[in-house]
């Protein structure tokens, strides 16, 4: 079991605000392991996959009355018949308890959650292993993280485990997509997911995707929504002020894990250009983990100049981030064009560099060159 102190601290921070922490993340991202690392002496662990669990929690008040630990963990709680009632009674009637529910999606995704527990819970999104956590996972190299991905089982494998990725996708469909959204066509869903993995890091044209996969536009739209809810993809909206020269509608797509992207594209071994694209994914995961409440976008104008990520601090300040595998390949043209329109905010060139952060000049702009930890949080 590998220590993940950042996420344990995030759970404790959540419990200081609300009684229920909802730990969400894709299948095999380490939710159960993280929950169990809270310690057996402090936790009552309830596996909601087991048939007998339904009978154990049939009377929620009686169940919680019998809890002799300060933390109650309901792993995969959405498998229960009435999970929202159980969690609501725990939060309202037994406020001394800390409750942790885990699942692959948001509460609202399941029809079983008639009450989404507004005001009683906060969501903690557990991504694949972060760049900043690699040292805790036996010092796995960054290149291995990019190639294998950040799901612990794949990350720690000696060689890229090709069967793991296909088995994961089949399991994802059977246990998450079918159960939550009642989609029935595995082949159609898998074809779309494969297409999206190959497009990851680029702009998403939904009409083109529907044509490329051979399914209807409404079906693509419904599948995209399911994939966002289950956190298998992230769609970044373009940042703009409505100008005629800016991209205003088309989102940028990022898949949830670099291992699946490299697998879908047949990248083994990785070339430097491959590393650059996959590095963007790790920077995005860092932003999602450390700046979860700030809006994230990309920026692009109609001549193709772009900024990888735009972080909205407030109405007058937006930070611009460019991601490069090699800092020497940085072209400031997109950043300069962006700052003509939006002059206030910090500029970052985010690289996997071992040197301390430093400032460099790009025309009249100052740019901070740093690794993800150097982004002001």
Protein backbone atom coordinates (compact mmCIF):
# COMPACT_ATOMS: atom_id res chain seq x y z
CA UNK A 1 0.00 0.00 0.00
CA UNK A 2 1.51 3.33 -1.09
CA UNK A 3 1.03 6.48 0.97
CA UNK A 4 -1.03 9.24 -0.63
CA UNK A 5 -0.96 11.96 2.04
CA UNK A 6 -2.30 14.70 -0.22
CA UNK A 7 -5.58 12.83 -0.70
CA UNK A 8 -5.86 11.83 2.95
CA UNK A 9 -5.48 15.50 3.87
CA UNK A 10 -8.12 16.41 1.28
CA UNK A 11 -10.58 13.99 2.91
CA UNK A 12 -9.92 15.41 6.37
CA UNK A 13 -10.36 18.94 5.00
CA UNK A 14 -13.68 17.89 3.48
CA UNK A 15 -14.94 16.42 6.76
CA UNK A 16 -14.17 19.66 8.56
CA UNK A 17 -16.76 21.30 6.30
CA UNK A 18 -19.39 18.58 5.77
CA UNK A 19 -20.12 15.12 7.20
CA UNK A 20 -19.95 13.21 3.90
CA UNK A 21 -16.96 12.98 1.58
CA UNK A 22 -17.82 11.47 -1.80
CA UNK A 23 -14.64 9.95 -3.27
CA UNK A 24 -15.14 9.70 -7.02
CA UNK A 25 -12.76 8.35 -9.62
CA UNK A 26 -12.58 5.94 -12.50
CA UNK A 27 -12.42 2.22 -11.90
CA UNK A 28 -9.11 1.03 -10.38
CA UNK A 29 -7.84 4.52 -9.67
CA UNK A 30 -7.18 3.48 -6.07
CA UNK A 31 -10.34 4.61 -4.26
CA UNK A 32 -10.67 1.47 -2.14
CA UNK A 33 -6.97 1.40 -1.26
CA UNK A 34 -7.05 5.07 -0.28
CA UNK A 35 -10.15 4.55 1.85
CA UNK A 36 -8.61 1.57 3.64
CA UNK A 37 -5.41 3.52 4.29
CA UNK A 38 -7.37 5.64 6.77
CA UNK A 39 -6.64 2.81 9.19
CA UNK A 40 -8.64 -0.13 10.49
CA UNK A 41 -8.59 1.21 14.04
CA UNK A 42 -10.43 4.37 12.89
CA UNK A 43 -12.76 3.01 10.24
CA UNK A 44 -15.69 0.71 9.73
CA UNK A 45 -15.33 -0.55 6.15
CA UNK A 46 -18.53 -1.61 4.38
CA UNK A 47 -18.24 -3.34 1.00
CA UNK A 48 -21.48 -2.49 -0.79
CA UNK A 49 -20.80 -5.07 -3.51
CA UNK A 50 -21.60 -7.86 -1.05
CA UNK A 51 -25.25 -9.08 -1.04
CA UNK A 52 -25.36 -9.24 2.76
CA UNK A 53 -24.59 -5.53 3.05
CA UNK A 54 -28.12 -4.68 1.93
CA UNK A 55 -29.55 -6.47 4.94
CA UNK A 56 -26.97 -4.93 7.30
CA UNK A 57 -28.04 -1.37 6.41
CA UNK A 58 -31.76 -2.07 6.01
CA UNK A 59 -32.42 -0.03 9.16
CA UNK A 60 -29.99 2.90 8.77
CA UNK A 61 -30.54 4.33 12.27
CA UNK A 62 -29.86 0.98 13.90
CA UNK A 63 -26.82 0.44 11.69
CA UNK A 64 -25.22 3.78 12.56
CA UNK A 65 -26.11 3.36 16.24
CA UNK A 66 -23.98 0.22 16.26
CA UNK A 67 -20.94 1.92 14.67
CA UNK A 68 -18.03 1.98 17.10
CA UNK A 69 -15.55 3.74 14.80
CA UNK A 70 -15.40 7.47 14.00
CA UNK A 71 -15.24 6.92 10.22
CA UNK A 72 -17.68 4.82 8.18
CA UNK A 73 -16.67 3.85 4.64
CA UNK A 74 -19.31 2.74 2.13
CA UNK A 75 -17.32 1.40 -0.80
CA UNK A 76 -19.29 1.48 -4.09
CA UNK A 77 -22.32 2.69 -2.16
CA UNK A 78 -24.40 3.24 -5.29
CA UNK A 79 -24.89 -0.55 -5.49
CA UNK A 80 -27.31 -0.35 -2.56
CA UNK A 81 -31.04 0.01 -3.18
CA UNK A 82 -31.45 3.36 -1.40
CA UNK A 83 -27.99 4.85 -0.82
CA UNK A 84 -29.17 8.46 -0.48
CA UNK A 85 -31.46 7.61 2.45
CA UNK A 86 -28.65 5.76 4.21
CA UNK A 87 -26.16 8.61 3.82
CA UNK A 88 -28.70 11.29 4.70
CA UNK A 89 -29.67 9.61 7.98
CA UNK A 90 -26.01 9.13 8.84
CA UNK A 91 -25.24 12.81 8.24
CA UNK A 92 -28.34 14.22 9.97
CA UNK A 93 -28.85 11.90 12.94
CA UNK A 94 -25.25 10.95 13.70
CA UNK A 95 -23.24 14.15 13.13
CA UNK A 96 -20.29 12.86 15.17
CA UNK A 97 -19.51 10.35 12.40
CA UNK A 98 -17.38 11.00 9.34
CA UNK A 99 -18.84 9.25 6.31
CA UNK A 100 -16.96 8.31 3.14
CA UNK A 101 -18.79 7.07 0.07
CA UNK A 102 -16.94 5.90 -3.03
CA UNK A 103 -18.06 5.51 -6.60
CA UNK A 104 -17.03 5.95 -10.20
CA UNK A 105 -19.36 8.84 -10.88
CA UNK A 106 -21.27 11.69 -9.29
CA UNK A 107 -24.20 10.90 -7.05
CA UNK A 108 -26.62 12.44 -9.52
CA UNK A 109 -25.64 9.90 -12.18
CA UNK A 110 -27.51 7.10 -10.40
CA UNK A 111 -31.29 7.03 -10.47
CA UNK A 112 -31.11 5.56 -6.97
CA UNK A 113 -30.00 8.91 -5.56
CA UNK A 114 -33.32 10.67 -5.19
CA UNK A 115 -31.55 13.09 -2.84
CA UNK A 116 -28.11 14.31 -3.97
CA UNK A 117 -27.29 15.37 -0.38
CA UNK A 118 -26.81 19.05 -1.13
CA UNK A 119 -25.13 20.78 1.80
CA UNK A 120 -24.14 17.46 3.40
CA UNK A 121 -21.43 16.25 1.03
CA UNK A 122 -18.50 17.37 -1.07
CA UNK A 123 -16.93 15.52 -3.95
CA UNK A 124 -13.25 14.63 -3.92
CA UNK A 125 -12.14 13.59 -7.39
CA UNK A 126 -9.30 11.04 -7.28
CA UNK A 127 -7.39 11.12 -10.58
CA UNK A 128 -4.74 8.62 -11.67
CA UNK A 129 -1.43 8.90 -9.81
CA UNK A 130 -0.23 12.49 -10.07
CA UNK A 131 3.17 13.67 -11.27
CA UNK A 132 3.89 14.81 -7.72
CA UNK A 133 3.14 11.33 -6.30
CA UNK A 134 5.63 9.34 -8.38
CA UNK A 135 8.30 9.30 -5.68
CA UNK A 136 5.81 7.66 -3.30
CA UNK A 137 5.17 4.91 -5.86
CA UNK A 138 8.65 3.47 -5.71
CA UNK A 139 10.22 6.26 -7.74
CA UNK A 140 8.50 5.28 -10.99
CA UNK A 141 9.94 7.32 -13.84
CA UNK A 142 7.94 10.04 -15.53
CA UNK A 143 8.31 8.25 -18.89
CA UNK A 144 6.79 5.10 -17.39
CA UNK A 145 3.93 7.16 -15.96
CA UNK A 146 3.24 8.61 -19.40
CA UNK A 147 3.43 5.24 -21.16
CA UNK A 148 1.67 3.00 -18.63
CA UNK A 149 -0.73 5.60 -17.25
CA UNK A 150 -1.54 6.36 -13.64
CA UNK A 151 -3.85 3.54 -12.59
CA UNK A 152 -1.67 1.85 -9.95
CA UNK A 153 -1.88 -1.68 -11.35
CA UNK A 154 -0.72 -0.59 -14.80
CA UNK A 155 1.73 2.03 -13.52
CA UNK A 156 3.68 -0.48 -11.44
CA UNK A 157 3.83 -3.22 -14.09
CA UNK A 158 7.30 -4.03 -15.36
CA UNK A 159 6.11 -3.85 -18.98
CA UNK A 160 3.12 -2.08 -20.48
CA UNK A 161 0.27 -4.54 -19.78
CA UNK A 162 -1.70 -4.41 -23.04
CA UNK A 163 -4.50 -6.82 -21.90
CA UNK A 164 -5.17 -4.61 -18.87
CA UNK A 165 -6.48 -1.73 -20.97
CA UNK A 166 -8.99 -3.79 -22.95
CA UNK A 167 -10.16 -5.65 -19.86
CA UNK A 168 -10.58 -2.32 -18.04
CA UNK A 169 -12.74 -0.91 -20.84
CA UNK A 170 -14.97 -4.00 -20.87
CA UNK A 171 -15.34 -3.81 -17.09
CA UNK A 172 -15.98 -0.06 -17.24
CA UNK A 173 -18.84 -0.62 -19.66
CA UNK A 174 -20.36 -3.50 -17.70
CA UNK A 175 -20.08 -2.06 -14.19
CA UNK A 176 -20.43 1.68 -14.74
CA UNK A 177 -21.95 2.55 -18.11
CA UNK A 178 -24.55 -0.20 -18.29
CA UNK A 179 -25.58 0.04 -14.63
CA UNK A 180 -25.80 3.81 -14.49
CA UNK A 181 -27.00 4.75 -17.98
CA UNK A 182 -28.53 1.52 -19.33
CA UNK A 183 -26.56 1.61 -22.58
CA UNK A 184 -26.68 -1.82 -24.20
CA UNK A 185 -24.41 -1.74 -27.25
CA UNK A 186 -20.86 -2.52 -26.09
CA UNK A 187 -19.42 -2.42 -29.61
CA UNK A 188 -20.81 1.02 -30.37
CA UNK A 189 -19.67 2.42 -27.04
CA UNK A 190 -16.20 0.89 -27.38
CA UNK A 191 -15.81 2.27 -30.90
CA UNK A 192 -16.58 5.78 -29.67
CA UNK A 193 -14.28 5.48 -26.65
CA UNK A 194 -11.43 4.25 -28.85
CA UNK A 195 -12.02 7.20 -31.19
CA UNK A 196 -11.96 9.67 -28.28
CA UNK A 197 -8.77 8.18 -26.85
CA UNK A 198 -7.05 8.67 -30.21
CA UNK A 199 -8.32 12.26 -30.35
CA UNK A 200 -7.29 13.10 -26.79
CA UNK A 201 -5.54 16.45 -26.51
CA UNK A 202 -7.22 17.82 -29.62
CA UNK A 203 -10.40 19.69 -30.47
CA UNK A 204 -13.59 17.65 -30.52
CA UNK A 205 -15.93 18.01 -33.47
CA UNK A 206 -18.97 15.99 -32.38
CA UNK A 207 -20.45 15.80 -35.88
CA UNK A 208 -17.15 14.48 -37.23
CA UNK A 209 -16.95 11.99 -34.37
CA UNK A 210 -20.43 10.67 -35.14
CA UNK A 211 -19.52 10.27 -38.80
CA UNK A 212 -16.18 8.67 -38.01
CA UNK A 213 -17.67 6.06 -35.72
CA UNK A 214 -20.87 5.55 -37.70
CA UNK A 215 -23.40 6.38 -35.00
CA UNK A 216 -25.95 9.16 -34.67
CA UNK A 217 -25.20 12.59 -33.27
CA UNK A 218 -27.73 12.20 -30.39
CA UNK A 219 -26.09 8.89 -29.42
CA UNK A 220 -22.66 10.51 -29.39
CA UNK A 221 -24.00 13.34 -27.25
CA UNK A 222 -25.51 10.93 -24.69
CA UNK A 223 -22.32 8.85 -24.56
CA UNK A 224 -20.17 11.96 -24.12
CA UNK A 225 -22.31 13.03 -21.19
CA UNK A 226 -21.94 9.60 -19.58
CA UNK A 227 -18.17 9.68 -20.07
CA UNK A 228 -17.94 13.10 -18.45
CA UNK A 229 -20.10 12.06 -15.49
CA UNK A 230 -17.93 8.98 -14.93
CA UNK A 231 -14.82 11.18 -15.32
CA UNK A 232 -13.45 9.17 -18.22
CA UNK A 233 -13.09 12.35 -20.29
CA UNK A 234 -12.73 16.06 -19.62
CA UNK A 235 -14.04 18.63 -22.07
CA UNK A 236 -12.42 22.04 -21.78
CA UNK A 237 -14.49 24.91 -23.12
CA UNK A 238 -12.74 27.69 -25.04
CA UNK A 239 -12.02 30.91 -23.18
CA UNK A 240 -13.26 33.91 -25.16
CA UNK A 241 -14.95 37.27 -24.95
CA UNK A 242 -17.14 36.69 -27.97
CA UNK A 243 -14.64 38.11 -30.42
CA UNK A 244 -14.97 37.14 -34.07
CA UNK A 245 -11.36 35.97 -34.21
CA UNK A 246 -11.59 33.54 -31.28
CA UNK A 247 -12.79 29.94 -31.13
CA UNK A 248 -15.99 30.13 -29.06
CA UNK A 249 -17.71 26.75 -29.21
CA UNK A 250 -15.58 23.71 -29.97
CA UNK A 251 -14.28 21.97 -26.81
CA UNK A 252 -10.89 20.39 -26.31
CA UNK A 253 -10.96 16.74 -25.26
CA UNK A 254 -8.72 15.05 -22.70
CA UNK A 255 -9.05 11.38 -21.78
CA UNK A 256 -8.63 10.39 -18.15
CA UNK A 257 -5.33 8.52 -18.41
CA UNK A 258 -2.19 8.65 -20.53
CA UNK A 259 -1.80 4.86 -20.54
CA UNK A 260 -5.08 4.45 -22.41
CA UNK A 261 -4.18 7.24 -24.83
CA UNK A 262 -0.81 5.69 -25.66
CA UNK A 263 -2.43 2.24 -25.94
CA UNK A 264 -5.13 3.46 -28.34
CA UNK A 265 -2.54 5.23 -30.48
CA UNK A 266 -0.06 2.35 -30.49
CA UNK A 267 2.68 4.45 -28.89
CA UNK A 268 5.25 2.04 -27.49
CA UNK A 269 7.95 3.17 -27.06
CA UNK A 270 7.22 6.89 -26.74
CA UNK A 271 8.85 9.51 -28.96
CA UNK A 272 9.56 13.07 -27.73
CA UNK A 273 6.51 14.44 -29.55
CA UNK A 274 4.35 11.78 -27.89
CA UNK A 275 5.69 12.79 -24.48
CA UNK A 276 4.74 16.41 -25.12
CA UNK A 277 1.08 15.61 -25.72
CA UNK A 278 0.88 13.21 -22.78
CA UNK A 279 2.61 15.75 -20.52
CA UNK A 280 -0.33 18.10 -21.14
CA UNK A 281 -2.60 15.46 -19.61
CA UNK A 282 -0.51 15.30 -16.44
CA UNK A 283 -0.51 19.08 -16.09
CA UNK A 284 -4.31 19.10 -16.43
CA UNK A 285 -4.60 16.43 -13.73
CA UNK A 286 -2.41 18.58 -11.47
CA UNK A 287 -4.74 21.54 -12.01
CA UNK A 288 -7.81 19.41 -11.32
CA UNK A 289 -6.25 18.18 -8.06
CA UNK A 290 -4.73 21.38 -6.71
CA UNK A 291 -7.10 24.00 -8.14
CA UNK A 292 -10.39 22.07 -8.21
CA UNK A 293 -12.64 25.09 -7.77
CA UNK A 294 -11.16 27.38 -10.44
CA UNK A 295 -12.60 27.28 -13.98
CA UNK A 296 -10.26 25.74 -16.56
CA UNK A 297 -10.31 26.50 -20.28
CA UNK A 298 -8.11 26.59 -23.35
CA UNK A 299 -7.74 29.49 -25.78
CA UNK A 300 -7.36 29.48 -29.55
CA UNK A 301 -7.91 32.01 -32.30
CA UNK A 302 -8.95 31.28 -35.84
CA UNK A 303 -5.38 31.55 -37.14
CA UNK A 304 -4.36 28.62 -34.93
CA UNK A 305 -2.54 30.52 -32.20
CA UNK A 306 -3.40 28.99 -28.86
CA UNK A 307 -2.73 28.68 -25.13
CA UNK A 308 -2.92 25.19 -23.63
CA UNK A 309 -4.73 26.08 -20.39
CA UNK A 310 -6.38 29.22 -19.07
CA UNK A 311 -7.17 29.42 -15.35
CA UNK A 312 -9.76 32.01 -14.36
CA UNK A 313 -8.75 33.56 -11.01
CA UNK A 314 -11.37 36.33 -11.13
CA UNK A 315 -13.08 38.52 -13.73
CA UNK A 316 -9.93 40.60 -14.30
CA UNK A 317 -7.15 38.01 -13.89
CA UNK A 318 -6.63 34.90 -15.98
CA UNK A 319 -3.49 32.78 -15.84
CA UNK A 320 -2.08 31.36 -19.05
CA UNK A 321 -0.23 28.01 -19.07
CA UNK A 322 1.83 26.57 -21.88
CA UNK A 323 3.00 22.95 -21.49
CA UNK A 324 6.24 21.76 -23.08
CA UNK A 325 8.23 18.57 -22.71
CA UNK A 326 11.32 20.62 -23.62
CA UNK A 327 11.39 24.28 -22.56
CA UNK A 328 13.60 25.18 -25.54
CA UNK A 329 10.67 24.42 -27.89
CA UNK A 330 8.49 27.18 -26.43
CA UNK A 331 7.04 29.55 -29.05
CA UNK A 332 5.49 32.60 -27.34
CA UNK A 333 3.32 33.63 -30.34
CA UNK A 334 0.11 32.22 -28.86
CA UNK A 335 0.76 33.69 -25.43
CA UNK A 336 1.52 37.13 -26.90
CA UNK A 337 -1.71 37.09 -28.93
CA UNK A 338 -3.69 36.04 -25.87
CA UNK A 339 -2.23 38.81 -23.70
CA UNK A 340 -3.18 41.48 -26.23
CA UNK A 341 -6.79 40.58 -25.44
CA UNK A 342 -6.40 39.63 -21.78
CA UNK A 343 -3.43 41.50 -20.29
CA UNK A 344 -3.79 40.64 -16.60
CA UNK A 345 -2.60 37.37 -15.06
CA UNK A 346 0.37 35.09 -14.57
CA UNK A 347 2.18 33.37 -17.42
CA UNK A 348 3.59 29.87 -16.98
CA UNK A 349 5.71 27.58 -19.09
CA UNK A 350 5.19 24.20 -17.41
CA UNK A 351 7.91 21.62 -18.05
CA UNK A 352 9.15 18.44 -16.32
CA UNK A 353 12.31 20.28 -15.30
CA UNK A 354 14.49 19.52 -12.29
CA UNK A 355 15.85 23.08 -12.09
CA UNK A 356 14.28 25.64 -9.73
CA UNK A 357 11.59 27.92 -11.21
CA UNK A 358 12.92 30.95 -13.07
CA UNK A 359 11.59 33.88 -15.08
CA UNK A 360 12.24 34.43 -18.76
CA UNK A 361 11.31 37.30 -21.04
CA UNK A 362 9.01 36.80 -24.02
CA UNK A 363 8.81 40.21 -25.65
CA UNK A 364 7.17 42.43 -23.06
CA UNK A 365 5.88 39.44 -21.08
CA UNK A 366 7.42 37.72 -18.09
CA UNK A 367 6.98 33.94 -18.11
CA UNK A 368 7.61 31.68 -15.13
CA UNK A 369 9.30 28.45 -16.19
CA UNK A 370 8.48 25.71 -13.68
CA UNK A 371 7.18 22.21 -13.09
CA UNK A 372 3.54 21.80 -12.02
CA UNK A 373 4.40 22.42 -8.37
CA UNK A 374 5.47 25.96 -9.33
CA UNK A 375 1.95 26.98 -10.36
CA UNK A 376 0.62 29.32 -7.71
CA UNK A 377 -2.26 27.61 -5.91
